[in-house]
Protein backbone atom coordinates (compact mmCIF):
# COMPACT_ATOMS: atom_id res chain seq x y z
CA MET A 1 77.92 13.36 -77.86
CA ARG A 2 79.20 9.84 -78.30
CA SER A 3 78.64 6.98 -75.86
CA SER A 4 81.68 6.01 -73.83
CA TYR A 5 83.28 2.61 -74.10
CA LYS A 6 82.38 2.10 -70.46
CA MET A 7 78.71 2.59 -71.32
CA ILE A 8 78.99 0.25 -74.30
CA THR A 9 80.66 -2.43 -72.19
CA ALA A 10 78.05 -2.12 -69.45
CA LEU A 11 75.22 -2.44 -71.97
CA VAL A 12 76.75 -5.47 -73.68
CA VAL A 13 77.36 -7.22 -70.34
CA GLY A 14 73.86 -6.33 -69.12
CA LEU A 15 72.20 -7.68 -72.27
CA THR A 16 74.28 -10.85 -72.02
CA VAL A 17 73.14 -11.34 -68.44
CA ILE A 18 69.52 -10.90 -69.53
CA LEU A 19 70.00 -13.49 -72.29
CA ALA A 20 71.52 -15.89 -69.75
CA ILE A 21 68.55 -15.37 -67.43
CA MET A 22 66.15 -15.97 -70.31
CA MET A 23 67.91 -19.16 -71.35
CA THR A 24 67.99 -20.44 -67.77
CA ALA A 25 64.35 -19.56 -67.05
CA PHE A 26 63.00 -21.16 -70.23
CA SER A 27 65.37 -24.10 -70.67
CA LEU A 28 66.10 -25.34 -67.15
CA PRO A 29 62.46 -26.08 -66.22
CA ALA A 30 62.00 -27.90 -69.54
CA VAL A 31 65.14 -30.00 -69.08
CA LYS A 32 64.84 -30.59 -65.33
CA SER A 33 61.07 -30.89 -65.03
CA GLY A 34 59.93 -33.91 -63.09
CA VAL A 35 58.43 -34.97 -59.81
CA ASN A 36 59.74 -32.75 -57.03
CA ASN A 37 57.79 -33.51 -53.85
CA VAL A 38 54.39 -33.58 -55.55
CA PRO A 39 51.98 -34.14 -52.62
CA VAL A 40 49.87 -37.28 -52.98
CA GLY A 41 47.63 -39.13 -50.53
CA LEU A 42 47.55 -42.80 -49.62
CA VAL A 43 45.02 -44.99 -47.79
CA ALA A 44 45.78 -48.67 -47.27
CA GLU A 45 44.26 -50.98 -44.66
CA ASN A 46 47.17 -53.40 -44.89
CA LYS A 47 50.28 -51.96 -43.19
CA GLN A 48 52.66 -54.00 -45.33
CA THR A 49 51.02 -52.73 -48.52
CA ASN A 50 50.97 -49.20 -47.14
CA ASP A 51 54.69 -49.21 -46.27
CA LYS A 52 55.71 -50.80 -49.56
CA LEU A 53 53.76 -48.33 -51.70
CA SER A 54 54.79 -45.33 -49.62
CA LYS A 55 58.43 -46.23 -50.17
CA ALA A 56 57.89 -46.74 -53.90
CA LEU A 57 56.16 -43.38 -54.29
CA ASP A 58 58.82 -41.62 -52.19
CA GLU A 59 61.51 -43.01 -54.46
CA LYS A 60 59.69 -41.60 -57.49
CA GLY A 61 59.80 -38.11 -55.94
CA PHE A 62 56.29 -37.90 -54.50
CA LYS A 63 55.57 -36.48 -51.06
CA VAL A 64 53.27 -39.12 -49.58
CA LYS A 65 50.71 -38.18 -46.95
CA GLN A 66 48.87 -40.88 -45.04
CA TYR A 67 45.09 -40.70 -44.60
CA LYS A 68 42.68 -42.94 -42.73
CA SER A 69 39.61 -42.82 -44.94
CA GLU A 70 38.12 -42.00 -48.32
CA ALA A 71 36.41 -38.94 -46.82
CA ALA A 72 39.75 -37.64 -45.53
CA ILE A 73 41.48 -37.86 -48.92
CA LYS A 74 38.55 -36.24 -50.70
CA ASP A 75 38.67 -33.37 -48.23
CA ALA A 76 42.43 -32.98 -48.72
CA ILE A 77 42.08 -32.89 -52.52
CA ASN A 78 39.21 -30.41 -52.42
CA ASN A 79 41.25 -28.17 -50.11
CA ARG A 80 44.24 -28.36 -52.52
CA LYS A 81 46.50 -30.02 -49.97
CA ILE A 82 47.26 -32.90 -52.35
CA TYR A 83 46.86 -33.42 -56.09
CA GLY A 84 45.40 -36.90 -55.84
CA ALA A 85 45.27 -40.03 -53.71
CA TYR A 86 45.40 -43.81 -53.94
CA GLU A 87 43.09 -46.01 -51.88
CA PHE A 88 43.71 -49.75 -51.47
CA SER A 89 40.91 -51.97 -50.24
CA SER A 90 41.40 -55.14 -48.20
CA GLN A 91 40.46 -57.11 -51.35
CA GLY A 92 43.37 -55.59 -53.25
CA GLU A 93 41.29 -53.19 -55.35
CA MET A 94 42.89 -49.83 -56.07
CA THR A 95 41.07 -46.51 -56.54
CA PHE A 96 42.70 -43.29 -57.68
CA TYR A 97 41.05 -39.99 -56.68
CA GLN A 98 42.11 -37.04 -58.80
CA ALA A 99 41.41 -33.35 -59.40
CA SER A 100 42.55 -32.73 -62.96
CA ALA A 101 41.58 -29.06 -62.61
CA ALA A 102 44.45 -28.70 -60.12
CA SER A 103 46.88 -29.94 -62.77
CA THR A 104 46.13 -32.06 -65.81
CA ALA A 105 49.81 -33.00 -66.12
CA VAL A 106 50.03 -34.25 -62.52
CA SER A 107 46.74 -36.14 -62.81
CA GLN A 108 47.95 -37.90 -65.95
CA LEU A 109 51.25 -38.77 -64.26
CA LEU A 110 49.56 -40.11 -61.12
CA ASN A 111 47.16 -42.08 -63.30
CA GLN A 112 50.08 -43.70 -65.11
CA VAL A 113 51.79 -44.51 -61.81
CA GLY A 114 48.57 -46.06 -60.53
CA GLN A 115 48.19 -48.17 -63.67
CA GLY A 116 51.77 -49.35 -63.23
CA ILE A 117 51.17 -50.34 -59.60
CA VAL A 118 48.05 -52.32 -60.56
CA THR A 119 49.98 -54.09 -63.33
CA GLN A 120 52.77 -55.02 -60.92
CA GLN A 121 50.31 -56.27 -58.31
CA LYS A 122 48.50 -58.41 -60.89
CA ALA A 123 51.77 -59.91 -62.08
CA ALA A 124 52.87 -60.68 -58.51
CA ALA A 125 49.52 -62.24 -57.61
CA LYS A 126 49.46 -64.43 -60.72
CA GLN A 127 53.04 -65.49 -60.09
CA GLN A 128 51.95 -66.83 -56.72
CA LEU A 129 48.99 -68.68 -58.22
CA ALA A 130 50.85 -70.27 -61.12
CA PRO A 131 52.74 -72.98 -59.16
CA MET A 132 49.65 -73.71 -57.08
CA ILE A 133 47.62 -74.37 -60.23
CA ALA A 134 50.41 -76.49 -61.73
CA GLN A 135 50.88 -78.63 -58.62
CA SER A 136 47.24 -79.10 -57.61
CA GLN A 137 45.67 -82.51 -58.29
CA ASP A 138 42.20 -81.42 -57.20
CA ILE A 139 40.07 -80.47 -60.22
CA ASN A 140 37.78 -78.27 -58.13
CA MET A 141 40.74 -76.51 -56.53
CA VAL A 142 42.31 -75.92 -59.95
CA LYS A 143 39.02 -74.47 -61.18
CA GLN A 144 38.83 -72.13 -58.17
CA LEU A 145 42.42 -71.01 -58.66
CA GLN A 146 41.83 -70.38 -62.36
CA GLU A 147 38.74 -68.32 -61.56
CA LYS A 148 40.81 -66.37 -59.07
CA SER A 149 43.46 -65.82 -61.75
CA GLN A 150 40.80 -64.53 -64.14
CA ALA A 151 39.50 -62.18 -61.46
CA ILE A 152 43.03 -60.84 -61.01
CA ASP A 153 43.30 -60.27 -64.77
CA ALA A 154 40.06 -58.28 -64.66
CA ARG A 155 41.37 -55.87 -62.05
CA SER A 156 41.93 -52.31 -63.18
CA LEU A 157 42.59 -48.92 -61.68
CA LYS A 158 39.33 -47.25 -60.74
CA VAL A 159 39.54 -43.50 -61.33
CA VAL A 160 37.29 -41.05 -59.48
CA GLU A 161 37.33 -37.44 -60.72
CA LEU A 162 36.64 -34.83 -58.04
CA LYS A 163 37.41 -31.57 -59.85
CA SER A 164 37.69 -31.42 -63.62
CA PHE A 165 37.89 -28.79 -66.34
CA PRO A 166 34.73 -28.19 -68.39
CA LYS A 167 34.06 -30.29 -71.50
CA ALA A 168 34.85 -27.30 -73.71
CA ASP A 169 38.48 -27.41 -72.53
CA PRO A 170 39.00 -30.75 -70.74
CA LYS A 171 42.78 -30.37 -70.48
CA GLY A 172 42.75 -26.75 -69.28
CA THR A 173 44.77 -25.63 -72.30
CA GLY A 174 43.30 -22.13 -72.10
CA LEU A 175 44.70 -21.57 -68.62
CA ALA A 176 48.12 -23.03 -69.51
CA ALA A 177 48.32 -20.80 -72.57
CA GLY A 178 47.35 -17.81 -70.45
CA ALA A 179 50.72 -17.62 -68.66
CA LEU A 180 52.20 -15.15 -71.14
CA PRO A 181 49.09 -12.92 -71.40
CA LEU A 182 48.97 -12.81 -67.59
CA ALA A 183 52.61 -11.77 -67.50
CA LEU A 184 52.33 -9.27 -70.34
CA GLY A 185 48.89 -7.81 -69.64
CA GLY A 186 49.63 -5.78 -66.54
CA TRP A 187 53.11 -4.87 -67.82
CA ILE A 188 51.82 -3.50 -71.13
CA GLY A 189 48.95 -1.76 -69.36
CA ALA A 190 51.30 -0.07 -66.90
CA VAL A 191 53.62 1.11 -69.68
CA ALA A 192 50.67 2.51 -71.63
CA ILE A 193 49.29 4.27 -68.56
CA ALA A 194 52.70 5.69 -67.67
CA ASN A 195 53.15 7.20 -71.13
CA ALA A 196 49.61 8.21 -72.05
CA ILE A 197 48.16 9.52 -68.78
CA LYS A 198 49.32 12.72 -67.06
CA GLY A 199 49.06 13.28 -63.32
CA LYS A 200 49.66 10.80 -60.51
CA ARG A 201 46.09 10.70 -59.32
CA GLU A 202 44.90 10.10 -62.87
CA LYS A 203 47.44 7.32 -63.39
CA PHE A 204 46.41 5.64 -60.15
CA LEU A 205 42.72 5.76 -61.03
CA THR A 206 43.42 4.51 -64.56
CA ALA A 207 45.43 1.56 -63.24
CA LEU A 208 42.65 0.74 -60.80
CA ALA A 209 40.01 0.92 -63.53
CA PHE A 210 42.20 -1.20 -65.82
CA ALA A 211 42.51 -3.89 -63.15
CA VAL A 212 38.73 -4.03 -62.64
CA VAL A 213 37.67 -3.90 -66.28
CA GLY A 214 40.62 -6.03 -67.42
CA GLY A 215 39.85 -8.69 -64.80
CA LEU A 216 36.23 -8.88 -65.90
CA GLY A 217 37.27 -9.02 -69.55
CA LEU A 218 40.01 -11.61 -69.08
CA THR A 219 37.73 -13.91 -67.11
CA ALA A 220 34.94 -13.48 -69.65
CA VAL A 221 37.26 -14.56 -72.45
CA ILE A 222 38.55 -17.61 -70.55
CA GLN A 223 35.13 -18.63 -69.22
CA TYR A 224 32.67 -17.76 -71.99
CA GLY A 225 34.94 -17.51 -75.01
CA ILE A 226 37.32 -20.43 -74.48
CA GLY A 227 35.35 -22.43 -71.92
CA THR A 228 38.23 -23.23 -69.54
CA PHE A 229 36.37 -21.98 -66.46
CA ASP A 230 32.84 -22.80 -65.36
CA GLY A 231 32.83 -21.52 -61.78
CA ASN A 232 31.51 -18.32 -60.22
CA TYR A 233 32.35 -15.65 -62.82
CA PHE A 234 32.56 -12.75 -60.39
CA LEU A 235 34.67 -14.64 -57.84
CA THR A 236 37.10 -15.71 -60.55
CA SER A 237 37.12 -12.16 -61.92
CA LEU A 238 38.25 -10.90 -58.51
CA GLY A 239 41.29 -13.16 -58.80
CA ALA A 240 42.07 -11.80 -62.26
CA MET A 241 41.59 -8.22 -61.05
CA LEU A 242 44.06 -8.76 -58.20
CA GLY A 243 46.58 -10.34 -60.58
CA ILE A 244 46.39 -7.44 -63.03
CA ALA A 245 46.52 -4.88 -60.21
CA ALA A 246 49.61 -6.55 -58.72
CA THR A 247 51.47 -6.37 -62.02
CA ALA A 248 50.26 -2.93 -63.10
CA PHE A 249 50.92 -1.14 -59.79
CA PHE A 250 54.27 -2.87 -59.32
CA VAL A 251 55.44 -1.77 -62.78
CA LEU A 252 54.13 1.77 -62.27
CA GLY A 253 55.89 1.91 -58.91
CA LEU A 254 59.22 0.81 -60.37
CA LEU A 255 58.85 3.33 -63.18
CA GLU A 256 58.23 6.14 -60.70
CA VAL A 257 61.27 5.25 -58.61
CA MET A 258 63.75 4.04 -61.21
CA GLY A 259 62.50 5.23 -64.58
CA ASN A 260 63.27 3.02 -67.60
CA ALA A 261 65.61 0.85 -65.52
CA GLY A 262 62.59 -0.18 -63.45
CA LEU A 263 60.80 -1.18 -66.63
CA GLY A 264 63.64 -3.55 -67.47
CA ILE A 265 63.61 -5.08 -63.99
CA ALA A 266 59.85 -5.58 -64.24
CA ALA A 267 60.22 -7.25 -67.64
CA VAL A 268 62.77 -9.71 -66.25
CA MET A 269 60.65 -10.52 -63.19
CA LEU A 270 57.26 -10.73 -64.84
CA ILE A 271 57.95 -11.97 -68.35
CA LEU A 272 61.37 -13.58 -68.55
CA LEU A 273 61.01 -15.35 -65.19
CA GLY A 274 57.33 -15.14 -64.30
CA ASN A 275 56.05 -16.69 -67.53
CA PRO A 276 58.09 -19.94 -67.70
CA LEU A 277 58.09 -20.43 -63.93
CA SER A 278 54.36 -19.92 -63.43
CA GLY A 279 53.68 -23.67 -63.42
CA LEU A 280 50.42 -23.13 -65.30
CA SER A 281 51.17 -25.79 -67.90
CA SER A 282 52.04 -28.42 -65.27
CA ALA A 283 52.42 -27.61 -61.56
CA PRO A 284 54.98 -25.79 -59.40
CA GLU A 285 56.07 -29.14 -57.95
CA MET A 286 56.87 -30.39 -61.45
CA LEU A 287 59.53 -27.70 -61.89
CA PRO A 288 63.00 -27.84 -60.33
CA LYS A 289 62.48 -27.24 -56.59
CA PHE A 290 63.86 -23.70 -56.27
CA TRP A 291 62.40 -22.51 -59.57
CA GLY A 292 58.92 -23.81 -58.83
CA ALA A 293 58.88 -22.00 -55.48
CA LEU A 294 60.23 -18.82 -57.07
CA GLY A 295 57.53 -18.90 -59.73
CA GLN A 296 54.81 -18.84 -57.06
CA LEU A 297 56.36 -15.69 -55.59
CA LEU A 298 55.95 -13.83 -58.90
CA PRO A 299 52.62 -12.39 -60.11
CA PRO A 300 51.99 -14.74 -63.08
CA GLY A 301 52.42 -17.88 -60.98
CA ALA A 302 50.46 -16.50 -58.04
CA THR A 303 47.68 -15.29 -60.35
CA GLY A 304 47.44 -18.69 -62.03
CA SER A 305 47.18 -20.47 -58.68
CA LEU A 306 44.59 -17.99 -57.47
CA LEU A 307 42.47 -18.43 -60.60
CA ARG A 308 42.53 -22.22 -60.19
CA SER A 309 41.44 -21.91 -56.57
CA PHE A 310 38.66 -19.43 -57.30
CA ALA A 311 37.39 -21.11 -60.48
CA PHE A 312 37.37 -24.75 -59.32
CA PHE A 313 37.91 -25.01 -55.57
CA ASP A 314 35.68 -22.24 -54.16
CA GLY A 315 38.73 -20.25 -53.07
CA LYS A 316 40.31 -23.08 -51.07
CA GLY A 317 44.09 -23.15 -51.14
CA ALA A 318 44.27 -19.52 -52.25
CA THR A 319 45.86 -17.97 -49.14
CA GLU A 320 49.50 -17.96 -50.26
CA ALA A 321 48.70 -16.59 -53.72
CA LEU A 322 46.48 -13.90 -52.21
CA TRP A 323 49.24 -12.66 -49.90
CA VAL A 324 51.80 -12.66 -52.71
CA LEU A 325 49.59 -10.54 -54.98
CA ILE A 326 48.48 -8.21 -52.18
CA THR A 327 52.14 -7.64 -51.33
CA TYR A 328 52.91 -6.64 -54.93
CA VAL A 329 49.93 -4.28 -54.96
CA VAL A 330 50.93 -2.62 -51.67
CA VAL A 331 54.62 -2.35 -52.55
CA GLY A 332 53.75 -1.05 -56.00
CA ILE A 333 51.43 1.66 -54.64
CA ILE A 334 54.01 2.75 -52.06
CA LEU A 335 56.72 3.02 -54.72
CA PHE A 336 54.29 4.81 -57.02
CA PHE A 337 53.53 7.55 -54.52
CA ILE A 338 57.07 8.07 -53.23
CA GLY A 339 58.62 8.10 -56.71
CA LYS A 340 59.03 11.38 -58.62
CA LYS A 341 60.11 10.33 -62.13
CA SER A 342 56.86 11.14 -63.91
CA GLU A 343 56.52 14.47 -62.14
CA MET A 344 60.03 15.43 -63.24
CA LYS A 345 59.17 14.56 -66.85
CA GLU A 346 55.96 16.59 -66.75
CA VAL A 347 57.82 19.60 -65.38
CA ILE A 348 60.44 19.31 -68.10
C-alpha cells in the first residue's frame, strides 16, 4: 500500500515546522541574548548617587532593587532573589557582591558594569579637581589636591564573592554543558523502558528506579568526576532524581496516550526547546523575555535551576522549579495510567 499525497504533504509540512522551531529555539536566544530584567541590588547612602545609578542600570536592562544595608543584600543574594549587588559608601568606594554560582555569565557582566561605573566616577572626580589644582596658588593646597587625585586614581571595584563554583570548575562549565544530557537522559530512558519492559507496573517501577539510580549517578559524575558541585551530595541528587523522573514519566505518559506522536511532542518540548532555553549557560533573564520564562517551565531549565539551588544555596530559591518538576511527574503518571497504547501492542 502506497502513502497518499495527503500523508506526504502533511509529513513534509510537519517536518518543516519542526525545523522552524529548532532554528528559532537555537538561534533566537543566541541573537537576542542580553540583559532582560536581570535582578540586581543597590545600596547607596547618598540619594543623588542612588537615583543616578538606579537610572543608569535600568537603562541597561537591569531590574534594580533597593536595599538599606550590606546584610540585606547578602541575604537577598543567598536567597537567590538577586544575582548581585552594588554598595556605595559615603566616601565614594564601591563594592560589588556576587554569587558566580548563580550565573557566571551574569557575574562577569555585572563586574564589567561595576568597573565601568568606577571608571566614570574617577574621571568625573578628577575633572572637578583639575581646574582647582591649576588655579590654586597655595602650595599646600595644591599638594593636598594632588594627593586627593592620586587617591582617586587608586580606587577600584572591590569584589566580594558569596557563592562560587569549586576550584575544579570555577566557571561552572560542567553544569552549562549538562543541558543536553539533562534533556536527553530522561527522554532516552523513557524510550528504552517503553520498548524493553513489558507490563505497566514493571514500566512504572523501572522508571522510578531509573530516576533514583540515574540521579545518584548523574550527581556523582558532576560532583566527583567533573568537580562542578561541592555541596550536599544527597540533597543535590534529590534534585537530579526529580528532574529525571519528570522527564521520564512525562515521556512515558505521552507514549501511552498518543503513541509515537507523543514521542515527537516530547522531543520538541524537552530537546529542541528545553535544551537551548534552559538558561544553564547564562541565566533565564539573559534570554529574550518570553523564551527565558518558557525555558523555566520545561524540565531541563527547571532541573538546572533546582540543581543550582540544592548544590550551592541550600535549597533556597528552589520553589518554582520544584513545582514545575512535580507537575510534570504528576501529569506524566496520570497519562501513563490512563493511556492504553502499550497494552494494545502487547495484546497484538
